[in-house]
Amino acid sequence: MIFSVQVKVMPLKELLDPQGKAVQNALEHLGYNGISAVHVGKYLEIELNPADQAIARRQLDEACHKFLSNPVIEDYRLEIE
């Protein structure tokens, strides 16, 4: 069985997000007012064929923690279908 996984990696809310701030400033400059915050992250779609869903979650959780995100400044969320 092939599992489809969505991984969302976002900067921690308590840290400054320079990319998000730049996008917010650009939007305001273009006349889009009332935007209180913008957060820029990464979105990945991964397909894998493990023995079961628990193995898929364990493998991807490890990959996210070690490679796909920086746990010091980012958080991630996995959705497995």
Protein backbone atom coordinates (compact mmCIF):
# COMPACT_ATOMS: atom_id res chain seq x y z
CA MET A 1 0.00 0.00 0.00
CA ILE A 2 1.30 3.44 -0.92
CA PHE A 3 0.80 6.20 1.64
CA SER A 4 0.50 9.83 0.63
CA VAL A 5 2.02 12.17 3.20
CA GLN A 6 1.79 15.93 3.49
CA VAL A 7 4.48 17.64 5.54
CA LYS A 8 4.12 21.27 6.59
CA VAL A 9 7.18 22.96 8.07
CA MET A 10 6.66 26.40 9.61
CA PRO A 11 8.80 28.76 11.65
CA LEU A 12 8.07 28.73 15.36
CA LYS A 13 5.45 31.37 16.19
CA GLU A 14 7.61 32.96 18.90
CA LEU A 15 10.48 33.67 16.48
CA LEU A 16 10.80 36.46 13.94
CA ASP A 17 10.03 35.27 10.40
CA PRO A 18 12.00 37.61 8.10
CA GLN A 19 10.47 36.13 4.92
CA GLY A 20 6.98 36.43 6.34
CA LYS A 21 7.63 40.03 7.39
CA ALA A 22 8.95 40.89 3.90
CA VAL A 23 5.82 39.39 2.29
CA GLN A 24 3.58 41.24 4.75
CA ASN A 25 5.34 44.56 4.00
CA ALA A 26 5.07 43.96 0.23
CA LEU A 27 1.36 43.18 0.51
CA GLU A 28 0.77 46.34 2.53
CA HIS A 29 2.77 48.36 -0.01
CA LEU A 30 0.51 46.97 -2.75
CA GLY A 31 -2.56 48.16 -0.86
CA TYR A 32 -3.59 44.95 0.92
CA ASN A 33 -4.28 46.36 4.37
CA GLY A 34 -5.30 44.65 7.58
CA ILE A 35 -2.85 41.74 7.34
CA SER A 36 -1.61 41.18 10.88
CA ALA A 37 1.00 38.50 10.14
CA VAL A 38 2.43 36.34 7.37
CA HIS A 39 4.37 33.13 7.98
CA VAL A 40 6.37 31.52 5.19
CA GLY A 41 7.11 27.80 5.41
CA LYS A 42 7.64 24.67 3.35
CA TYR A 43 5.11 22.15 2.05
CA LEU A 44 6.17 18.70 0.89
CA GLU A 45 4.19 15.81 -0.58
CA ILE A 46 5.83 12.42 -0.12
CA GLU A 47 4.69 8.99 -1.27
CA LEU A 48 6.08 5.88 0.38
CA ASN A 49 5.37 2.19 0.59
CA PRO A 50 6.14 0.98 4.14
CA ALA A 51 4.84 -2.18 5.79
CA ASP A 52 2.20 -0.19 7.69
CA GLN A 53 1.13 3.31 8.71
CA ALA A 54 2.96 3.20 12.05
CA ILE A 55 6.25 2.54 10.26
CA ALA A 56 5.50 5.35 7.80
CA ARG A 57 4.85 7.80 10.63
CA ARG A 58 7.98 6.76 12.50
CA GLN A 59 10.20 7.07 9.39
CA LEU A 60 8.82 10.44 8.38
CA ASP A 61 8.86 11.81 11.91
CA GLU A 62 12.55 10.96 12.07
CA ALA A 63 13.20 12.46 8.61
CA CYS A 64 11.39 15.66 9.57
CA HIS A 65 13.29 15.99 12.82
CA LYS A 66 16.72 15.21 11.31
CA PHE A 67 16.53 16.66 7.80
CA LEU A 68 13.32 18.34 6.62
CA SER A 69 13.06 20.85 9.46
CA ASN A 70 15.33 22.64 11.88
CA PRO A 71 13.80 21.88 15.30
CA VAL A 72 15.51 24.93 16.83
CA ILE A 73 13.53 27.39 14.69
CA GLU A 74 10.82 25.32 12.94
CA ASP A 75 7.93 23.03 13.75
CA TYR A 76 6.39 20.44 11.43
CA ARG A 77 3.13 18.58 11.00
CA LEU A 78 2.55 15.27 9.22
CA GLU A 79 -0.70 14.15 7.63
CA ILE A 80 -0.75 10.57 6.34
CA GLU A 81 -3.47 9.31 4.01
